[in-house]
Protein backbone atom coordinates (compact mmCIF):
# COMPACT_ATOMS: atom_id res chain seq x y z
CA MET A 1 -15.76 47.79 128.20
CA GLY A 2 -15.92 50.26 130.74
CA THR A 3 -14.77 50.01 134.17
CA GLN A 4 -16.61 47.45 136.91
CA HIS A 5 -16.69 48.34 139.83
CA LYS A 6 -19.90 48.19 142.85
CA LEU A 7 -23.30 50.19 142.69
CA PHE A 8 -23.68 51.57 146.14
CA GLY A 9 -26.38 53.84 147.51
CA SER A 10 -26.30 57.87 148.40
CA LEU A 11 -25.80 57.18 151.98
CA ILE A 12 -22.22 54.98 151.54
CA LEU A 13 -21.09 57.71 148.73
CA PHE A 14 -22.28 60.64 151.10
CA GLN A 15 -19.86 58.71 153.89
CA ALA A 16 -17.79 58.17 151.62
CA LEU A 17 -17.31 62.29 150.57
CA ILE A 18 -16.79 63.09 154.21
CA LYS A 19 -13.94 60.62 154.35
CA LEU A 20 -12.49 62.15 151.72
CA GLY A 21 -13.43 65.41 153.75
CA PHE A 22 -15.91 67.15 151.94
CA THR A 23 -18.29 69.19 154.04
CA THR A 24 -21.85 70.05 153.81
CA ASN A 25 -23.75 72.93 155.26
CA ASP A 26 -27.00 72.17 157.33
CA HIS A 27 -29.37 74.10 155.42
CA GLN A 28 -30.16 71.91 153.06
CA LYS A 29 -33.72 71.89 150.83
CA GLY A 30 -35.22 68.72 148.89
CA SER A 31 -33.23 65.46 148.16
CA HIS A 32 -30.66 66.64 147.08
CA VAL A 33 -27.16 67.74 149.22
CA LYS A 34 -24.23 70.44 148.23
CA LEU A 35 -20.78 69.02 149.24
CA TYR A 36 -17.87 70.99 149.18
CA PRO A 37 -14.20 69.86 148.81
CA PRO A 38 -11.32 70.30 151.76
CA LYS A 39 -9.15 73.14 150.68
CA LYS A 40 -6.61 69.92 149.56
CA ILE A 41 -8.96 69.73 146.45
CA ILE A 42 -7.87 72.17 144.25
CA VAL A 43 -11.28 72.01 141.86
CA PRO A 44 -9.84 72.99 138.66
CA LEU A 45 -10.88 75.79 136.43
CA GLY A 46 -14.33 75.21 134.38
CA LEU A 47 -15.92 72.27 136.53
CA LYS A 48 -18.33 73.44 139.74
CA PRO A 49 -16.52 73.93 143.07
CA PHE A 50 -18.80 71.06 144.96
CA MET A 51 -21.02 68.04 143.87
CA ILE A 52 -24.69 67.97 144.12
CA VAL A 53 -25.39 64.11 145.42
CA GLN A 54 -29.21 62.96 145.75
CA MET A 55 -29.89 61.42 148.90
CA GLY A 56 -32.39 58.69 149.57
CA LYS A 57 -30.91 56.58 147.29
CA LYS A 58 -31.20 52.86 148.07
CA GLN A 59 -28.62 52.16 144.74
CA PHE A 60 -27.92 54.09 142.40
CA ASP A 61 -28.11 52.12 138.72
CA LYS A 62 -24.32 51.87 136.43
CA HIS A 63 -25.22 55.01 134.83
CA GLU A 64 -25.45 57.14 138.33
CA CYS A 65 -22.44 55.18 139.92
CA SER A 66 -20.21 56.05 136.80
CA ARG A 67 -20.74 59.79 136.91
CA TYR A 68 -20.37 60.65 139.84
CA ILE A 69 -16.51 58.48 140.33
CA SER A 70 -16.26 60.38 137.55
CA GLU A 71 -16.79 63.40 138.53
CA LEU A 72 -14.35 63.14 141.48
CA VAL A 73 -11.55 61.40 139.33
CA GLN A 74 -12.24 65.19 137.43
CA LYS A 75 -11.43 66.71 140.52
CA GLY A 76 -8.87 65.41 141.57
CA VAL A 77 -9.69 62.56 144.03
CA ASP A 78 -7.42 58.66 143.47
CA LYS A 79 -10.50 56.21 141.63
CA LYS A 80 -8.86 53.64 144.07
CA GLU A 81 -9.02 55.92 146.87
CA ILE A 82 -12.66 56.53 146.33
CA ILE A 83 -13.77 52.56 145.41
CA LYS A 84 -11.41 51.28 148.87
CA LEU A 85 -13.84 54.65 150.61
CA MET A 86 -17.05 53.12 149.44
CA LYS A 87 -16.29 49.72 150.44
CA ASP A 88 -15.02 50.60 154.18
CA CYS A 89 -19.10 52.29 154.05
CA GLU A 90 -20.82 49.50 153.06
């Protein structure tokens, strides 16, 4: 079976990404925010050098949660660190 983790919403994800050092520019359109990783995170070739987060959702479904966590792990962020930061942001 897959890994179990608590479901989260856009605000918790956004706050966790900011604590990881991700930045965004203030000129966003619509309900999506583009976040850029800090310099300490070296994004492997072939992966997009940013994350897009859909804002305004109280809770993502389990597939969306897994996708966001997987995307961060692919970018080189430790999974335990991600989950710990999300718990801290609750």
